Amino acid sequence: MRRIGFRCEGEFDCSREEMKEDLLNFVSGLGTTTQISIMVINTAEDDKLEAGTFFVDKPACFHFKGKRLTLEVDTTMLGPGYHVTELGILEAIERETRLRWDRSTMHDDTGYYEHRDFKRLQRFMLDWLLEYSSSLLNTPDLELPVRTNLTMPYAMLPQGNEYFACHLLGYIHRDFFVYIHEFKDPELFCQAFFLWWNEDLSAKFYLKCALSIIWCQLNWLPPALDEEFIYIDHALKQLEAAWELDNTLPLPVPEWIELAKLSRDQELVDELIRRFPTEINQPASKGYRRHDILHTIGENRWKIKLPGKMHHITGDDGALLFWDDRQRSIRITVIHGCAENGSPLPGMTLLQKNMGDLKAEWHILPEATSVPAFMLHGDSADKDKSSCDTTLFAATDGIMVIVNVSYPEEEQKAWAVSLCDSLSTI
């Protein structure tokens, strides 16, 4: 899929650490000055900083090289309003930090930076959506295992094929992409598809912001991590902002009440029940992570099916760590670049070198029968708590994946094996 965005280079006359601090302070303050939810991701790489709104699938990236910095912003799915806002932020960076942009390096895919015609920008993104719709309709189903993999956190995508496309605002039927070519006013489809089609911060805008968090970010567990508290807080604020601006909008009331309960705000729960007495018993259904999800791992070379209702962090060693409130945990480790004499080690050789004397048994992966794999079962104890463990070792040339599943009872062994069996290459 062709992406849309802009790229610009600049120079700074301070140290890289001071420039990063300037940017961190600037971006952190945007949430209060622009009424947009901001998250700063201070990446481990010394030459990179990422920041983005909660509903963005690709955060803005600041790349450092010497005394120069390159900013790359992807605005593909968010729409014209977001594109204009991000360009405005680019210019504000120059006013508020020690960075000076080199305008001759600006590359804006839409051309908006030069012509500043908002209607023309909207037409550009309409044409993109028409092109994208045709491309999607003409792609064989067998080549669409993940459909429109947009704004899924941690490369998480809904599991299953009961939908045609998954989108930051929910599932989309195939007819959407068909009818957009047949209606006289395709802009109506743009208003439904893009989160920020116009420039204003309307009630519909805030509702879409909330829905994007509800569908894509929340794991629907009591929050345990800082970002989980922040996601819930922002979703609640955006729903309230939408309701205050237009209380006739079709709001996701069951999800709103569930979020209030997860935030442990009983006063808000009571207020929502008073406000929406006829909707309080409707089941909450929005949110991809209420169900199993596909997680791509290892630089998108592997995929595995995981429960969506899990907390998730990346460990200091780069391992992916998942856990839930049922004493179940999953640890996924990827070992890259295993080679000898410049050639990647064959998968079987790689397994034998790394497994040592472990008494693991040969295992056939149903979804990747040509990938050598071994499985090991055992027990462990930690702080007076015992658990069962199932560990899968699998490898292709030069890359090994280790999946360790821990669970409280032997009866859940079949679940652990099934989870491991879902591992496959992409």
Protein backbone atom coordinates (compact mmCIF):
# COMPACT_ATOMS: atom_id res chain seq x y z
CA MET A 1 0.00 0.00 0.00
CA ARG A 2 1.34 3.43 -0.96
CA ARG A 3 1.88 5.53 2.16
CA ILE A 4 1.38 9.29 2.57
CA GLY A 5 3.46 11.65 4.66
CA PHE A 6 6.26 14.17 4.68
CA ARG A 7 9.96 14.34 5.44
CA CYS A 8 12.23 17.25 6.34
CA GLU A 9 15.79 17.76 7.58
CA GLY A 10 17.16 20.30 10.01
CA GLU A 11 20.27 21.29 11.98
CA PHE A 12 20.88 22.05 15.65
CA ASP A 13 23.77 23.78 17.43
CA CYS A 14 23.67 21.88 20.73
CA SER A 15 24.51 18.33 21.78
CA ARG A 16 22.33 15.44 20.67
CA GLU A 17 21.27 14.85 24.28
CA GLU A 18 20.22 18.50 24.64
CA MET A 19 18.30 18.37 21.34
CA LYS A 20 16.51 15.21 22.47
CA GLU A 21 15.61 16.89 25.74
CA ASP A 22 14.25 19.89 23.82
CA LEU A 23 12.09 17.61 21.67
CA LEU A 24 10.88 15.55 24.62
CA ASN A 25 9.82 18.69 26.49
CA PHE A 26 8.15 20.12 23.39
CA VAL A 27 6.22 16.98 22.43
CA SER A 28 5.22 16.24 26.03
CA GLY A 29 3.59 19.66 26.22
CA LEU A 30 1.55 19.22 23.05
CA GLY A 31 -1.12 17.20 24.84
CA THR A 32 -2.20 20.23 26.86
CA THR A 33 -1.81 22.86 24.15
CA THR A 34 -3.50 21.03 21.26
CA GLN A 35 -6.05 18.82 23.08
CA ILE A 36 -4.57 15.83 21.25
CA SER A 37 -3.44 12.71 23.10
CA ILE A 38 0.36 12.51 22.85
CA MET A 39 2.68 9.64 23.68
CA VAL A 40 6.47 10.00 23.58
CA ILE A 41 8.45 6.85 22.88
CA ASN A 42 12.09 7.36 23.83
CA THR A 43 13.58 4.49 21.85
CA ALA A 44 16.64 2.54 22.91
CA GLU A 45 18.57 3.62 19.80
CA ASP A 46 20.75 6.66 20.44
CA ASP A 47 20.01 8.04 16.97
CA LYS A 48 16.20 7.82 17.08
CA LEU A 49 13.23 9.32 18.93
CA GLU A 50 9.57 8.50 18.26
CA ALA A 51 6.43 10.38 19.23
CA GLY A 52 2.84 10.13 18.16
CA THR A 53 -0.82 10.48 18.99
CA PHE A 54 -2.52 7.44 20.46
CA PHE A 55 -4.46 6.74 17.29
CA VAL A 56 -1.43 6.70 14.93
CA ASP A 57 -0.17 3.41 13.54
CA LYS A 58 3.23 4.89 12.67
CA PRO A 59 4.57 7.46 15.14
CA ALA A 60 6.60 10.42 13.96
CA CYS A 61 10.30 9.51 13.84
CA PHE A 62 13.20 11.83 14.57
CA HIS A 63 16.47 10.43 13.15
CA PHE A 64 19.79 11.92 14.31
CA LYS A 65 23.01 11.95 12.30
CA GLY A 66 25.74 14.23 13.55
CA LYS A 67 24.27 17.72 13.98
CA ARG A 68 21.42 17.00 11.56
CA LEU A 69 17.98 15.63 12.29
CA THR A 70 15.43 14.15 9.91
CA LEU A 71 11.73 14.12 10.78
CA GLU A 72 9.50 11.54 9.06
CA VAL A 73 5.72 11.66 9.58
CA ASP A 74 3.22 9.15 8.18
CA THR A 75 -0.29 10.59 7.79
CA THR A 76 -1.79 7.86 5.60
CA MET A 77 -4.75 6.72 7.68
CA LEU A 78 -5.46 9.80 9.77
CA GLY A 79 -6.50 12.17 7.03
CA PRO A 80 -6.07 15.79 5.92
CA GLY A 81 -6.67 17.37 9.33
CA TYR A 82 -3.85 15.35 10.85
CA HIS A 83 -1.53 16.12 7.94
CA VAL A 84 -2.04 19.87 8.38
CA THR A 85 -1.66 19.66 12.16
CA GLU A 86 1.62 17.74 11.91
CA LEU A 87 3.03 20.30 9.48
CA GLY A 88 2.02 22.99 11.97
CA ILE A 89 3.85 21.09 14.70
CA LEU A 90 6.93 20.90 12.48
CA GLU A 91 6.96 24.69 12.26
CA ALA A 92 6.31 25.03 16.01
CA ILE A 93 9.35 22.85 16.72
CA GLU A 94 11.54 25.51 15.09
CA ARG A 95 9.99 28.24 17.27
CA GLU A 96 10.28 26.30 20.53
CA THR A 97 13.56 24.35 20.20
CA ARG A 98 17.13 24.82 18.94
CA LEU A 99 16.35 23.06 15.65
CA ARG A 100 16.35 24.96 12.35
CA TRP A 101 14.68 23.32 9.37
CA ASP A 102 16.23 23.26 5.91
CA ARG A 103 13.10 23.98 3.84
CA SER A 104 14.86 22.83 0.66
CA THR A 105 14.79 19.26 2.01
CA MET A 106 11.01 19.22 2.58
CA HIS A 107 9.25 16.43 0.72
CA ASP A 108 5.47 16.38 1.15
CA ASP A 109 3.78 13.53 -0.75
CA THR A 110 0.55 15.52 -0.95
CA GLY A 111 2.09 18.80 -2.10
CA TYR A 112 0.19 20.65 0.63
CA TYR A 113 3.33 22.24 2.09
CA GLU A 114 3.69 24.19 -1.16
CA HIS A 115 0.10 24.94 -2.22
CA ARG A 116 -1.65 25.21 1.20
CA ASP A 117 -5.02 24.40 -0.35
CA PHE A 118 -6.98 22.23 2.11
CA LYS A 119 -9.63 21.20 -0.43
CA ARG A 120 -6.86 20.06 -2.75
CA LEU A 121 -5.32 18.07 0.09
CA GLN A 122 -8.67 16.39 0.73
CA ARG A 123 -8.92 15.51 -2.95
CA PHE A 124 -5.45 13.94 -2.82
CA MET A 125 -6.47 11.71 0.07
CA LEU A 126 -9.79 10.88 -1.59
CA ASP A 127 -7.87 9.74 -4.67
CA TRP A 128 -5.62 7.67 -2.41
CA LEU A 129 -8.63 5.95 -0.83
CA LEU A 130 -10.12 5.21 -4.25
CA GLU A 131 -6.80 3.73 -5.38
CA TYR A 132 -6.45 1.74 -2.17
CA SER A 133 -10.01 0.40 -2.44
CA SER A 134 -9.40 -0.85 -5.99
CA SER A 135 -6.13 -2.47 -4.95
CA LEU A 136 -7.74 -4.22 -1.99
CA LEU A 137 -10.66 -5.51 -4.07
CA ASN A 138 -8.30 -6.88 -6.70
CA THR A 139 -6.06 -8.70 -4.22
CA PRO A 140 -6.81 -12.44 -3.94
CA ASP A 141 -8.21 -13.47 -0.56
CA LEU A 142 -5.29 -15.85 -0.02
CA GLU A 143 -2.96 -12.86 -0.01
CA LEU A 144 -5.01 -11.01 2.61
CA PRO A 145 -4.33 -12.97 5.82
CA VAL A 146 -4.17 -9.81 7.91
CA ARG A 147 -6.34 -7.55 5.74
CA THR A 148 -5.72 -3.88 6.44
CA ASN A 149 -3.18 -4.14 9.21
CA LEU A 150 -3.63 -0.60 10.44
CA THR A 151 -2.95 0.91 13.88
CA MET A 152 -2.67 -2.42 15.61
CA PRO A 153 -0.44 -1.98 18.69
CA TYR A 154 2.64 -4.20 18.92
CA ALA A 155 1.83 -5.60 15.46
CA MET A 156 -1.37 -7.10 16.89
CA LEU A 157 -4.15 -7.98 14.45
CA PRO A 158 -7.56 -9.60 14.94
CA GLN A 159 -7.41 -13.37 14.56
CA GLY A 160 -9.79 -15.00 12.12
CA ASN A 161 -11.18 -14.33 8.67
CA GLU A 162 -14.78 -13.42 9.44
CA TYR A 163 -14.14 -9.83 8.40
CA PHE A 164 -12.94 -8.29 5.13
CA ALA A 165 -10.86 -5.50 6.65
CA CYS A 166 -9.90 -4.32 10.13
CA HIS A 167 -9.59 -0.59 10.61
CA LEU A 168 -8.74 1.76 13.45
CA LEU A 169 -12.48 2.40 13.87
CA GLY A 170 -13.66 -1.21 13.60
CA TYR A 171 -14.33 -3.83 10.96
CA ILE A 172 -15.19 -2.80 7.40
CA HIS A 173 -17.33 -4.80 5.00
CA ARG A 174 -16.20 -5.43 1.44
CA ASP A 175 -19.14 -3.36 0.14
CA PHE A 176 -17.54 -0.22 1.54
CA PHE A 177 -14.67 -0.50 -0.94
CA VAL A 178 -17.07 -1.35 -3.76
CA TYR A 179 -19.63 1.41 -3.25
CA ILE A 180 -17.06 4.19 -2.83
CA HIS A 181 -16.53 3.96 -6.61
CA GLU A 182 -20.26 4.06 -7.37
CA PHE A 183 -21.56 6.92 -5.22
CA LYS A 184 -21.64 10.45 -6.60
CA ASP A 185 -20.26 11.84 -3.34
CA PRO A 186 -17.36 9.60 -2.25
CA GLU A 187 -16.41 12.23 0.34
CA LEU A 188 -19.00 10.64 2.63
CA PHE A 189 -16.83 7.52 2.65
CA CYS A 190 -13.78 9.63 3.47
CA GLN A 191 -15.56 11.08 6.49
CA ALA A 192 -16.21 7.54 7.71
CA PHE A 193 -12.76 6.20 6.88
CA PHE A 194 -10.35 8.96 7.94
CA LEU A 195 -10.25 9.92 11.58
CA TRP A 196 -9.53 13.58 10.88
CA TRP A 197 -11.14 14.50 7.56
CA ASN A 198 -11.77 18.19 8.35
CA GLU A 199 -9.59 20.70 10.19
CA ASP A 200 -11.80 21.30 13.23
CA LEU A 201 -11.88 19.41 16.52
CA SER A 202 -15.55 18.44 16.36
CA ALA A 203 -17.61 16.04 18.44
CA LYS A 204 -17.17 13.39 15.73
CA PHE A 205 -13.41 13.91 15.87
CA TYR A 206 -13.28 13.25 19.62
CA LEU A 207 -15.58 10.24 19.22
CA LYS A 208 -13.29 8.77 16.56
CA CYS A 209 -10.24 9.37 18.77
CA ALA A 210 -11.96 7.47 21.59
CA LEU A 211 -13.08 4.68 19.26
CA SER A 212 -9.58 4.21 17.90
CA ILE A 213 -8.30 3.63 21.44
CA ILE A 214 -11.24 1.35 22.27
CA TRP A 215 -10.76 -0.77 19.15
CA CYS A 216 -6.98 -0.91 18.95
CA GLN A 217 -5.25 -0.15 22.24
CA LEU A 218 -7.21 -1.53 25.19
CA ASN A 219 -6.74 -5.07 26.54
CA TRP A 220 -9.90 -4.84 28.74
CA LEU A 221 -8.08 -5.90 31.89
CA PRO A 222 -7.73 -3.84 35.08
CA PRO A 223 -4.79 -1.56 34.19
CA ALA A 224 -1.37 -2.61 35.44
CA LEU A 225 0.98 -0.44 33.35
CA ASP A 226 1.28 3.34 33.12
CA GLU A 227 0.32 3.38 29.45
CA GLU A 228 -2.81 1.33 30.19
CA PHE A 229 -3.96 3.92 32.73
CA ILE A 230 -3.22 6.66 30.19
CA TYR A 231 -5.15 4.91 27.39
CA ILE A 232 -8.23 4.58 29.61
CA ASP A 233 -7.95 8.15 30.87
CA HIS A 234 -7.74 9.62 27.36
CA ALA A 235 -10.57 7.48 26.03
CA LEU A 236 -12.78 8.67 28.89
CA LYS A 237 -11.86 12.33 28.31
CA GLN A 238 -12.51 12.10 24.58
CA LEU A 239 -15.89 10.42 25.06
CA GLU A 240 -16.88 13.14 27.50
CA ALA A 241 -15.70 15.84 25.08
CA ALA A 242 -17.74 14.29 22.26
CA TRP A 243 -20.87 14.07 24.45
CA GLU A 244 -20.55 17.66 25.67
CA LEU A 245 -20.28 18.95 22.08
CA ASP A 246 -23.08 16.76 20.69
CA ASN A 247 -25.08 14.48 22.99
CA THR A 248 -27.04 13.09 20.02
CA LEU A 249 -24.06 11.14 18.67
CA PRO A 250 -24.24 7.31 18.78
CA LEU A 251 -21.73 6.84 21.57
CA PRO A 252 -20.30 3.45 22.66
CA VAL A 253 -22.05 3.54 26.04
CA PRO A 254 -21.39 -0.10 27.13
CA GLU A 255 -17.67 0.37 26.48
CA TRP A 256 -17.77 3.77 28.21
CA ILE A 257 -19.25 2.20 31.35
CA GLU A 258 -16.71 -0.64 31.23
CA LEU A 259 -13.87 1.88 30.99
CA ALA A 260 -15.26 3.77 33.98
CA LYS A 261 -15.31 0.52 35.95
CA LEU A 262 -11.74 -0.32 34.91
CA SER A 263 -10.68 3.14 36.08
CA ARG A 264 -12.40 2.44 39.42
CA ASP A 265 -14.37 5.68 39.11
CA GLN A 266 -17.68 4.75 40.72
CA GLU A 267 -18.93 8.32 40.56
CA LEU A 268 -18.54 8.25 36.76
CA VAL A 269 -20.20 4.83 36.55
CA ASP A 270 -23.20 6.17 38.46
CA GLU A 271 -23.34 9.29 36.25
CA LEU A 272 -23.26 7.22 33.03
CA ILE A 273 -26.03 4.95 34.31
CA ARG A 274 -28.10 8.03 35.12
CA ARG A 275 -27.27 9.58 31.74
CA PHE A 276 -27.98 6.47 29.64
CA PRO A 277 -30.57 4.39 31.56
CA THR A 278 -31.78 2.43 28.52
CA GLU A 279 -28.29 1.31 27.39
CA ILE A 280 -26.66 0.10 30.58
CA ASN A 281 -27.50 -3.57 30.00
CA GLN A 282 -26.18 -3.72 26.44
CA PRO A 283 -23.09 -5.95 26.08
CA ALA A 284 -19.78 -4.30 25.26
CA SER A 285 -18.33 -5.69 22.03
CA LYS A 286 -15.96 -3.13 20.53
CA GLY A 287 -12.25 -3.87 20.84
CA TYR A 288 -10.08 -6.24 18.84
CA ARG A 289 -8.26 -7.46 21.92
CA ARG A 290 -11.35 -8.92 23.53
CA HIS A 291 -10.49 -11.95 21.40
CA ASP A 292 -7.36 -13.73 20.18
CA ILE A 293 -4.95 -11.66 18.14
CA LEU A 294 -2.12 -12.36 15.71
CA HIS A 295 1.20 -10.98 16.86
CA THR A 296 4.01 -10.57 14.34
CA ILE A 297 7.49 -11.07 15.80
CA GLY A 298 11.10 -11.19 14.73
CA GLU A 299 11.09 -8.22 12.33
CA ASN A 300 7.73 -9.45 11.00
CA ARG A 301 9.13 -12.82 9.93
CA TRP A 302 7.02 -14.89 12.34
CA LYS A 303 3.48 -14.75 13.67
CA ILE A 304 1.74 -16.36 16.63
CA LYS A 305 -1.81 -16.38 18.01
CA LEU A 306 -2.09 -14.92 21.52
CA PRO A 307 -4.92 -13.97 23.87
CA GLY A 308 -5.76 -10.32 23.34
CA LYS A 309 -6.56 -9.83 27.01
CA MET A 310 -2.98 -9.65 28.22
CA HIS A 311 -0.61 -7.01 29.51
CA HIS A 312 2.50 -6.55 27.38
CA ILE A 313 5.97 -5.07 27.73
CA THR A 314 9.31 -5.50 26.02
CA GLY A 315 11.97 -6.65 28.48
CA ASP A 316 15.41 -5.08 28.83
CA ASP A 317 16.81 -8.01 26.87
CA GLY A 318 14.37 -7.44 24.00
CA ALA A 319 12.08 -10.34 24.92
CA LEU A 320 8.30 -9.88 24.52
CA LEU A 321 6.52 -10.44 27.84
CA PHE A 322 2.77 -11.05 28.20
CA TRP A 323 0.71 -11.87 31.28
CA ASP A 324 -2.91 -11.79 32.46
CA ASP A 325 -4.88 -11.93 35.69
CA ARG A 326 -5.20 -15.74 35.47
CA GLN A 327 -1.55 -16.39 36.41
CA ARG A 328 -0.65 -17.13 32.82
CA SER A 329 2.41 -15.63 31.17
CA ILE A 330 4.18 -15.84 27.83
CA ARG A 331 7.77 -14.93 27.03
CA ILE A 332 8.92 -14.75 23.42
CA THR A 333 12.62 -14.40 22.61
CA VAL A 334 14.03 -13.97 19.11
CA ILE A 335 17.70 -14.59 18.37
CA HIS A 336 18.82 -12.92 15.11
CA GLY A 337 21.90 -13.01 12.94
CA CYS A 338 23.23 -16.44 13.86
CA ALA A 339 25.92 -17.13 11.27
CA GLU A 340 29.25 -18.81 10.70
CA ASN A 341 31.74 -17.70 8.05
CA GLY A 342 29.24 -15.17 6.81
CA SER A 343 26.45 -17.68 6.16
CA PRO A 344 23.28 -18.06 8.30
CA LEU A 345 23.30 -21.21 10.41
CA PRO A 346 20.71 -23.80 9.29
CA GLY A 347 17.70 -23.95 11.58
CA MET A 348 18.48 -27.41 12.99
CA THR A 349 22.11 -26.52 13.65
CA LEU A 350 21.00 -23.34 15.39
CA LEU A 351 18.63 -25.28 17.66
CA GLN A 352 21.26 -27.85 18.58
CA LYS A 353 23.82 -25.16 19.45
CA ASN A 354 21.45 -23.22 21.70
CA MET A 355 19.44 -25.94 23.41
CA GLY A 356 22.41 -27.67 25.03
CA ASP A 357 21.44 -30.74 27.05
CA LEU A 358 17.75 -29.90 27.39
CA LYS A 359 15.64 -33.06 27.08
CA ALA A 360 13.22 -31.55 24.60
CA GLU A 361 11.21 -33.63 22.17
CA TRP A 362 10.95 -33.16 18.43
CA HIS A 363 7.78 -31.24 17.61
CA ILE A 364 5.92 -30.62 14.35
CA LEU A 365 4.33 -27.20 13.99
CA PRO A 366 0.94 -27.57 12.23
CA GLU A 367 1.26 -24.17 10.52
CA ALA A 368 4.95 -24.50 9.63
CA THR A 369 5.74 -28.17 9.08
CA SER A 370 9.05 -27.44 7.36
CA VAL A 371 10.38 -25.47 10.35
CA PRO A 372 12.43 -27.63 12.79
CA ALA A 373 11.08 -27.36 16.33
CA PHE A 374 11.39 -28.97 19.76
CA MET A 375 9.10 -28.75 22.79
CA LEU A 376 9.88 -29.10 26.47
CA HIS A 377 7.47 -29.43 29.43
CA GLY A 378 8.34 -28.89 33.09
CA ASP A 379 7.49 -27.27 36.42
CA SER A 380 8.92 -24.24 38.18
CA ALA A 381 8.54 -22.49 41.52
CA ASP A 382 8.86 -18.78 42.28
CA LYS A 383 8.20 -17.13 45.65
CA ASP A 384 6.25 -20.11 47.00
CA LYS A 385 4.16 -20.31 43.82
CA SER A 386 4.45 -23.32 41.56
CA SER A 387 3.57 -23.33 37.88
CA CYS A 388 3.72 -25.51 34.80
CA ASP A 389 5.86 -24.56 31.82
CA THR A 390 5.81 -25.39 28.13
CA THR A 391 8.68 -24.13 25.99
CA LEU A 392 8.91 -24.24 22.21
CA PHE A 393 12.17 -23.87 20.29
CA ALA A 394 11.87 -23.21 16.55
CA ALA A 395 14.32 -21.92 13.96
CA THR A 396 14.83 -20.99 10.35
CA ASP A 397 18.22 -20.22 8.85
CA GLY A 398 19.88 -17.63 11.06
CA ILE A 399 16.86 -16.94 13.31
CA MET A 400 15.58 -18.81 16.37
CA VAL A 401 12.37 -18.20 18.31
CA ILE A 402 11.82 -19.40 21.88
CA VAL A 403 8.26 -19.34 23.24
CA ASN A 404 7.90 -20.04 26.96
CA VAL A 405 4.35 -20.41 28.33
CA SER A 406 3.74 -20.54 32.07
CA TYR A 407 0.36 -21.56 33.56
CA PRO A 408 -0.89 -22.47 37.04
CA GLU A 409 -2.48 -25.89 36.43
CA GLU A 410 -1.59 -29.00 34.45
CA GLU A 411 -5.09 -28.92 32.92
CA GLN A 412 -4.03 -25.88 30.88
CA LYS A 413 -1.21 -27.75 29.14
CA ALA A 414 -3.37 -28.29 26.03
CA TRP A 415 -3.93 -24.51 25.82
CA ALA A 416 -0.17 -23.88 26.06
CA VAL A 417 0.59 -26.44 23.34
CA SER A 418 -2.12 -24.97 21.11
CA LEU A 419 -0.64 -21.52 21.54
CA CYS A 420 2.83 -22.78 20.60
CA ASP A 421 1.37 -24.67 17.63
CA SER A 422 0.09 -21.40 16.17
CA LEU A 423 3.67 -20.19 15.57
CA SER A 424 4.48 -19.96 11.87
CA THR A 425 6.61 -18.02 9.44
CA ILE A 426 5.27 -15.20 7.28
